[in-house]
Amino acid sequence: MRTAMAVINEGVGNGIIAAPLLAAFERSHPGWRYFMAPNVALDTAWVRGAAGMRGASGTFPALWRRFLPTHRRELWDFVEREGVDLVVNLRMESADEDGNYFEFRAEAAQRGVECWDLHELGDRPQRLPFGEQAASLLRAHGVPVDLTRPAWLAERRQPRPGVVGCYVGASAEVKRWPAQDWSALITQLDERGLNVEVAVGRAPDEQALARRLSSERGVTDTVFLHSLEALRDWIAGLDVLVSNDTLAVHLAVALGCPVVTLYLATDGDIWSPAAPPEVSRIVQSAFALTCSYMKPNGTCRRYYTGCPAPCAADVRPADVLIELDQLEWSMRQLSHQKVVK
């Protein structure tokens, strides 16, 4: 029996992406033990159940995912104590940013500990969804991963026709679309006869934005979501979702809810869900892709240090409406194909 450490990025959205991948890993190696860092999604029973996971054998501190020298002694003590002989590193990082991991990997080779990582796919991250890249890595090591059915929470979906959700929050300010653009979009959705619900998470500044938008004509409800379950159930009841690049996007695809995502400070080719265009559409800030603060792995170096975020000005309400129209057309085509069959 082998014992592995599965390393992923900390975000809850990463947990939703990783759940079916880890389930495939477990099915392929049912006798193996594995440990992973705490993750709200992967620590949740209904997520594990729907994805087909049994769950990890235990956890290790979240910051170990960075392989910093200050954590290295504790990490190796853990490896030796638990008999870890495999590290499955599903973090998305470019080679020039990942020196600490390479130091760990070199020492691991000397100690007889095997490492799987996305660097095997090339020195620079490919511009493919992270889920697809992680699946390719697992397949290269004999783990069959099927991403053709992304809606693994579809049984919970109960859409209300004509209800558009706008998730206006995000973990970092640079990933949030400005209030005036949300306001303009809501106005145009109202003119189309659609009902708009505005939602955010727990952060006070996000909730202040939602309250500001609550008085807009066309907003039928303002939703303050305080749990993963609440977010799941709200998205399950939507006809379509428009969202900043957040957990909500990946949960929407898992539920089978069509979604248009605004990639303001991230690369949508990398951080979009692994889903067909009739379910998931991208509105990308072209400015962000050329910004000197954009890392090769498709994330902003200034997420949490503050930035005037000129990338947000590169995405307009008209761009979102075009993608919503594309989604509507795709859904009509799928419905027609089902009738013909």
Protein backbone atom coordinates (compact mmCIF):
# COMPACT_ATOMS: atom_id res chain seq x y z
CA MET A 1 0.00 0.00 0.00
CA ARG A 2 1.29 3.43 -0.94
CA THR A 3 0.76 6.68 0.98
CA ALA A 4 0.45 10.00 -0.84
CA MET A 5 0.21 13.71 -0.12
CA ALA A 6 -2.19 15.55 -2.48
CA VAL A 7 -1.29 19.24 -2.73
CA ILE A 8 -3.75 21.74 -4.23
CA ASN A 9 -4.22 25.50 -4.02
CA GLU A 10 -6.16 26.65 -0.98
CA GLY A 11 -9.26 28.23 -2.52
CA VAL A 12 -12.68 26.61 -2.17
CA GLY A 13 -13.11 26.85 -5.94
CA ASN A 14 -9.95 24.77 -6.33
CA GLY A 15 -11.59 22.19 -4.10
CA ILE A 16 -14.62 22.00 -6.41
CA ILE A 17 -12.29 21.57 -9.41
CA ALA A 18 -10.22 18.94 -7.60
CA ALA A 19 -13.09 16.82 -6.23
CA PRO A 20 -13.73 14.71 -9.37
CA LEU A 21 -9.97 14.45 -9.97
CA LEU A 22 -9.33 13.11 -6.48
CA ALA A 23 -12.30 10.76 -6.84
CA ALA A 24 -10.68 9.36 -9.99
CA PHE A 25 -7.38 8.98 -8.11
CA GLU A 26 -9.15 7.07 -5.31
CA ARG A 27 -10.97 4.76 -7.75
CA SER A 28 -7.72 4.01 -9.53
CA HIS A 29 -5.88 3.22 -6.28
CA PRO A 30 -8.49 2.05 -3.76
CA GLY A 31 -5.95 0.62 -1.34
CA TRP A 32 -3.80 3.73 -1.07
CA ARG A 33 -3.87 6.24 1.78
CA TYR A 34 -3.52 9.95 1.08
CA PHE A 35 -3.37 13.20 3.01
CA MET A 36 -4.21 16.74 1.93
CA ALA A 37 -4.46 20.25 3.32
CA PRO A 38 -7.82 21.37 4.76
CA ASN A 39 -10.22 22.67 2.10
CA VAL A 40 -13.80 23.78 2.80
CA ALA A 41 -15.16 22.04 -0.30
CA LEU A 42 -13.25 18.79 0.11
CA ASP A 43 -14.03 18.66 3.83
CA THR A 44 -17.79 18.80 3.06
CA ALA A 45 -19.70 15.51 3.05
CA TRP A 46 -22.14 16.35 0.24
CA VAL A 47 -19.27 17.44 -2.04
CA ARG A 48 -17.36 14.22 -1.41
CA GLY A 49 -20.51 12.13 -1.85
CA ALA A 50 -21.56 13.71 -5.13
CA ALA A 51 -18.03 13.54 -6.56
CA GLY A 52 -17.64 9.92 -5.46
CA MET A 53 -14.80 10.54 -3.01
CA ARG A 54 -14.21 8.60 0.16
CA GLY A 55 -12.04 11.45 1.49
CA ALA A 56 -8.46 11.84 2.62
CA SER A 57 -6.93 9.83 5.46
CA GLY A 58 -5.89 13.04 7.22
CA THR A 59 -4.61 16.56 6.72
CA PHE A 60 -1.46 18.64 6.87
CA PRO A 61 -1.05 22.42 7.32
CA ALA A 62 -2.27 24.49 4.36
CA LEU A 63 0.91 26.57 4.08
CA TRP A 64 3.00 23.48 3.37
CA ARG A 65 1.67 23.71 -0.21
CA ARG A 66 4.27 26.45 -0.81
CA PHE A 67 7.18 24.19 0.17
CA LEU A 68 8.91 27.08 1.94
CA PRO A 69 12.30 26.39 3.57
CA THR A 70 10.82 27.38 6.96
CA HIS A 71 8.33 24.49 6.72
CA ARG A 72 10.66 21.94 5.17
CA ARG A 73 11.77 20.21 8.39
CA GLU A 74 8.17 19.78 9.59
CA LEU A 75 7.16 18.53 6.16
CA TRP A 76 9.88 15.89 6.05
CA ASP A 77 9.09 14.82 9.60
CA PHE A 78 5.49 14.26 8.47
CA VAL A 79 6.60 12.35 5.37
CA GLU A 80 8.76 10.02 7.44
CA ARG A 81 6.21 9.56 10.23
CA GLU A 82 3.30 8.72 7.89
CA GLY A 83 5.36 6.73 5.39
CA VAL A 84 4.55 9.07 2.49
CA ASP A 85 6.18 7.80 -0.71
CA LEU A 86 4.32 9.94 -3.28
CA VAL A 87 3.57 13.68 -3.54
CA VAL A 88 0.84 14.58 -6.05
CA ASN A 89 1.34 18.31 -6.55
CA LEU A 90 -1.68 19.82 -8.32
CA ARG A 91 -0.70 23.44 -7.69
CA MET A 92 -0.68 25.62 -10.79
CA GLU A 93 2.61 27.54 -10.79
CA SER A 94 5.16 28.47 -13.44
CA ALA A 95 8.69 27.10 -13.24
CA ASP A 96 10.28 30.50 -12.63
CA GLU A 97 8.04 31.02 -9.59
CA ASP A 98 8.39 27.55 -8.08
CA GLY A 99 11.97 27.30 -6.86
CA ASN A 100 11.01 26.15 -3.36
CA TYR A 101 9.12 23.19 -4.79
CA PHE A 102 12.01 22.25 -7.08
CA GLU A 103 14.32 22.19 -4.05
CA PHE A 104 11.85 19.89 -2.29
CA ARG A 105 11.49 17.68 -5.35
CA ALA A 106 15.26 17.27 -5.67
CA GLU A 107 15.51 16.20 -2.03
CA ALA A 108 12.51 13.91 -2.48
CA ALA A 109 14.31 12.08 -5.28
CA GLN A 110 17.26 11.49 -2.95
CA ARG A 111 14.94 10.17 -0.24
CA GLY A 112 13.06 7.83 -2.58
CA VAL A 113 9.82 9.86 -2.55
CA GLU A 114 8.11 10.07 -5.96
CA CYS A 115 6.62 13.39 -7.15
CA TRP A 116 3.93 14.04 -9.75
CA ASP A 117 3.48 17.70 -10.73
CA LEU A 118 2.19 19.95 -13.51
CA HIS A 119 5.76 20.88 -14.48
CA GLU A 120 5.85 17.54 -16.26
CA LEU A 121 3.56 19.15 -18.86
CA GLY A 122 6.09 21.91 -19.66
CA ASP A 123 8.07 24.74 -18.06
CA ARG A 124 5.27 27.28 -18.50
CA PRO A 125 1.59 26.58 -17.76
CA GLN A 126 -0.40 25.75 -20.86
CA ARG A 127 -3.33 28.02 -21.64
CA LEU A 128 -5.82 25.27 -20.93
CA PRO A 129 -8.22 25.02 -17.99
CA PHE A 130 -6.43 24.01 -14.80
CA GLY A 131 -8.81 21.04 -14.42
CA GLU A 132 -7.83 19.73 -17.85
CA GLN A 133 -4.13 20.13 -17.10
CA ALA A 134 -4.45 18.32 -13.76
CA ALA A 135 -6.44 15.55 -15.47
CA SER A 136 -3.69 15.21 -18.10
CA LEU A 137 -1.10 14.80 -15.35
CA LEU A 138 -3.12 12.07 -13.62
CA ARG A 139 -3.74 10.28 -16.92
CA ALA A 140 0.00 10.33 -17.62
CA HIS A 141 0.40 8.33 -14.40
CA GLY A 142 -2.27 5.79 -15.23
CA VAL A 143 -5.28 7.42 -13.55
CA PRO A 144 -8.30 7.51 -15.92
CA VAL A 145 -10.10 10.85 -15.56
CA ASP A 146 -13.37 11.60 -17.39
CA LEU A 147 -14.22 15.31 -17.66
CA THR A 148 -16.95 14.89 -20.28
CA ARG A 149 -19.72 15.18 -17.66
CA PRO A 150 -18.82 18.28 -15.62
CA ALA A 151 -22.26 18.65 -13.98
CA TRP A 152 -21.70 16.19 -11.13
CA LEU A 153 -24.14 18.10 -8.88
CA ALA A 154 -26.87 18.30 -11.54
CA GLU A 155 -29.46 16.42 -9.46
CA ARG A 156 -29.72 19.49 -7.19
CA ARG A 157 -30.57 21.89 -10.01
CA GLN A 158 -34.06 23.44 -10.04
CA PRO A 159 -33.89 26.49 -12.35
CA ARG A 160 -36.46 29.27 -12.25
CA PRO A 161 -37.05 30.52 -15.81
CA GLY A 162 -36.01 34.11 -16.43
CA VAL A 163 -33.97 34.48 -13.23
CA VAL A 164 -30.43 35.77 -13.78
CA GLY A 165 -27.99 35.69 -10.89
CA CYS A 166 -25.22 38.28 -10.58
CA TYR A 167 -22.49 37.25 -8.17
CA VAL A 168 -20.75 40.58 -7.59
CA GLY A 169 -18.23 39.54 -4.93
CA ALA A 170 -14.75 37.99 -5.12
CA SER A 171 -11.98 37.16 -2.67
CA ALA A 172 -9.73 39.94 -4.01
CA GLU A 173 -10.78 43.45 -4.99
CA VAL A 174 -8.91 43.30 -8.32
CA LYS A 175 -11.24 40.47 -9.38
CA ARG A 176 -14.42 42.51 -8.79
CA TRP A 177 -16.23 44.26 -11.62
CA PRO A 178 -17.05 47.91 -10.74
CA ALA A 179 -20.49 48.83 -9.42
CA GLN A 180 -21.31 51.09 -12.39
CA ASP A 181 -20.81 48.22 -14.81
CA TRP A 182 -22.99 45.85 -12.80
CA SER A 183 -25.60 48.61 -12.66
CA ALA A 184 -25.55 49.07 -16.44
CA LEU A 185 -25.82 45.32 -17.01
CA ILE A 186 -28.73 44.98 -14.57
CA THR A 187 -30.58 47.79 -16.36
CA GLN A 188 -30.21 46.06 -19.71
CA LEU A 189 -31.28 42.71 -18.29
CA ASP A 190 -34.37 44.38 -16.85
CA GLU A 191 -35.16 45.86 -20.27
CA ARG A 192 -35.14 42.30 -21.59
CA GLY A 193 -37.81 41.36 -19.04
CA LEU A 194 -35.47 39.28 -16.86
CA ASN A 195 -35.45 39.09 -13.08
CA VAL A 196 -32.05 39.78 -11.51
CA GLU A 197 -30.84 38.51 -8.15
CA VAL A 198 -27.64 40.01 -6.74
CA ALA A 199 -25.54 37.88 -4.39
CA VAL A 200 -22.32 38.12 -2.39
CA GLY A 201 -20.49 36.31 0.37
CA ARG A 202 -19.50 37.41 3.86
CA ALA A 203 -17.01 40.22 3.23
CA PRO A 204 -18.36 43.63 4.42
CA ASP A 205 -17.15 45.48 1.30
CA GLU A 206 -18.86 42.95 -0.95
CA GLN A 207 -22.08 43.26 1.04
CA ALA A 208 -21.89 47.06 0.77
CA LEU A 209 -21.73 46.70 -3.02
CA ALA A 210 -24.73 44.36 -3.03
CA ARG A 211 -26.76 46.84 -0.94
CA ARG A 212 -25.82 49.62 -3.34
CA LEU A 213 -27.09 47.56 -6.28
CA SER A 214 -30.24 46.38 -4.48
CA SER A 215 -32.09 49.58 -5.39
CA GLU A 216 -31.49 49.14 -9.11
CA ARG A 217 -34.56 48.63 -11.26
CA GLY A 218 -34.75 44.96 -12.15
CA VAL A 219 -33.17 43.61 -8.95
CA THR A 220 -35.80 41.32 -7.44
CA ASP A 221 -33.68 40.02 -4.57
CA THR A 222 -30.38 40.65 -2.79
CA VAL A 223 -28.84 37.51 -1.32
CA PHE A 224 -26.15 37.37 1.37
CA LEU A 225 -24.64 33.90 1.30
CA HIS A 226 -22.98 32.66 4.50
CA SER A 227 -22.18 29.06 3.60
CA LEU A 228 -21.20 26.81 0.73
CA GLU A 229 -24.61 25.13 0.95
CA ALA A 230 -26.39 28.47 0.62
CA LEU A 231 -24.35 29.37 -2.46
CA ARG A 232 -25.05 25.95 -3.98
CA ASP A 233 -28.80 26.22 -3.45
CA TRP A 234 -28.99 29.78 -4.80
CA ILE A 235 -27.10 28.89 -7.99
CA ALA A 236 -29.18 25.70 -8.40
CA GLY A 237 -32.29 27.87 -8.73
CA LEU A 238 -30.95 30.23 -11.40
CA ASP A 239 -31.63 30.18 -15.12
CA VAL A 240 -28.14 31.58 -15.74
CA LEU A 241 -25.31 33.11 -13.69
CA VAL A 242 -23.02 36.08 -14.36
CA SER A 243 -20.09 36.16 -11.98
CA ASN A 244 -16.64 37.46 -11.25
CA ASP A 245 -13.95 34.76 -11.29
CA THR A 246 -14.87 33.03 -8.01
CA LEU A 247 -15.95 29.75 -6.46
CA ALA A 248 -19.48 30.49 -7.74
CA VAL A 249 -18.37 29.83 -11.32
CA HIS A 250 -17.05 26.34 -10.64
CA LEU A 251 -20.04 25.47 -8.49
CA ALA A 252 -22.36 26.63 -11.30
CA VAL A 253 -20.72 24.29 -13.82
CA ALA A 254 -20.86 21.41 -11.34
CA LEU A 255 -24.60 22.11 -10.98
CA GLY A 256 -25.15 22.42 -14.73
CA CYS A 257 -26.09 26.11 -14.48
CA PRO A 258 -24.92 28.11 -17.53
CA VAL A 259 -22.45 30.83 -16.50
CA VAL A 260 -20.72 33.87 -17.97
CA THR A 261 -17.51 34.65 -16.08
CA LEU A 262 -15.66 37.97 -15.93
CA TYR A 263 -11.90 37.43 -15.96
CA LEU A 264 -10.55 40.82 -14.94
CA ALA A 265 -7.22 39.98 -13.27
CA THR A 266 -6.91 36.31 -14.22
CA ASP A 267 -6.49 34.37 -17.46
CA GLY A 268 -9.81 32.77 -18.34
CA ASP A 269 -8.17 30.22 -20.63
CA ILE A 270 -6.44 28.78 -17.55
CA TRP A 271 -8.94 29.44 -14.75
CA SER A 272 -12.21 28.70 -16.53
CA PRO A 273 -14.01 25.45 -15.69
CA ALA A 274 -13.32 22.44 -17.88
CA ALA A 275 -16.74 22.70 -19.53
CA PRO A 276 -18.18 23.09 -23.06
CA PRO A 277 -19.07 26.58 -24.39
CA GLU A 278 -22.79 25.86 -24.19
CA VAL A 279 -22.39 25.85 -20.39
CA SER A 280 -19.49 28.21 -19.68
CA ARG A 281 -18.61 31.45 -21.48
CA ILE A 282 -15.67 33.80 -20.87
CA VAL A 283 -15.41 37.59 -20.92
CA GLN A 284 -11.69 38.32 -20.75
CA SER A 285 -9.90 41.58 -20.02
CA ALA A 286 -7.34 41.83 -22.83
CA PHE A 287 -5.47 44.44 -20.78
CA ALA A 288 -4.95 41.92 -17.98
CA LEU A 289 -3.24 39.45 -20.31
CA THR A 290 -0.61 42.06 -21.25
CA CYS A 291 -0.18 43.53 -17.75
CA SER A 292 3.30 43.20 -16.24
CA TYR A 293 1.72 41.94 -13.01
CA MET A 294 0.11 38.94 -14.72
CA LYS A 295 1.99 35.78 -13.75
CA PRO A 296 2.58 33.00 -16.30
CA ASN A 297 0.08 30.85 -14.38
CA GLY A 298 -2.69 33.32 -15.19
CA THR A 299 -2.98 35.07 -11.80
CA CYS A 300 -2.21 38.62 -10.68
CA ARG A 301 0.84 39.33 -8.53
CA ARG A 302 -1.09 42.10 -6.78
CA TYR A 303 -4.19 40.22 -5.67
CA TYR A 304 -3.83 41.24 -2.06
CA THR A 305 -1.41 44.20 -2.14
CA GLY A 306 -3.71 46.68 -3.82
CA CYS A 307 -3.94 47.87 -7.41
CA PRO A 308 -6.03 50.48 -9.29
CA ALA A 309 -7.09 47.52 -11.49
CA PRO A 310 -7.29 49.20 -14.91
CA CYS A 311 -7.94 45.69 -16.27
CA ALA A 312 -11.55 45.97 -15.08
CA ALA A 313 -12.19 48.87 -17.46
CA ASP A 314 -11.51 46.53 -20.39
CA VAL A 315 -14.73 44.55 -19.82
CA ARG A 316 -18.02 46.23 -20.72
CA PRO A 317 -21.69 45.25 -20.15
CA ALA A 318 -22.13 44.83 -23.91
CA ASP A 319 -19.47 42.09 -23.85
CA VAL A 320 -21.42 40.21 -21.18
CA LEU A 321 -24.69 40.49 -23.11
CA ILE A 322 -23.05 39.02 -26.20
CA GLU A 323 -21.95 35.96 -24.21
CA LEU A 324 -25.38 35.62 -22.60
CA ASP A 325 -26.89 35.61 -26.07
CA GLN A 326 -24.41 32.92 -27.12
CA LEU A 327 -25.43 30.81 -24.12
CA GLU A 328 -29.12 31.22 -24.95
CA TRP A 329 -28.49 30.21 -28.58
CA SER A 330 -26.47 27.17 -27.48
CA MET A 331 -29.17 26.06 -25.06
CA ARG A 332 -31.82 26.37 -27.79
CA GLN A 333 -29.66 24.26 -30.11
CA LEU A 334 -29.21 21.57 -27.46
CA SER A 335 -32.94 21.54 -26.75
CA HIS A 336 -33.66 21.17 -30.47
CA GLN A 337 -31.19 18.30 -30.81
CA LYS A 338 -32.86 16.47 -27.93
CA VAL A 339 -36.29 16.88 -29.59
CA VAL A 340 -34.96 15.61 -32.94
CA LYS A 341 -33.43 12.53 -31.28
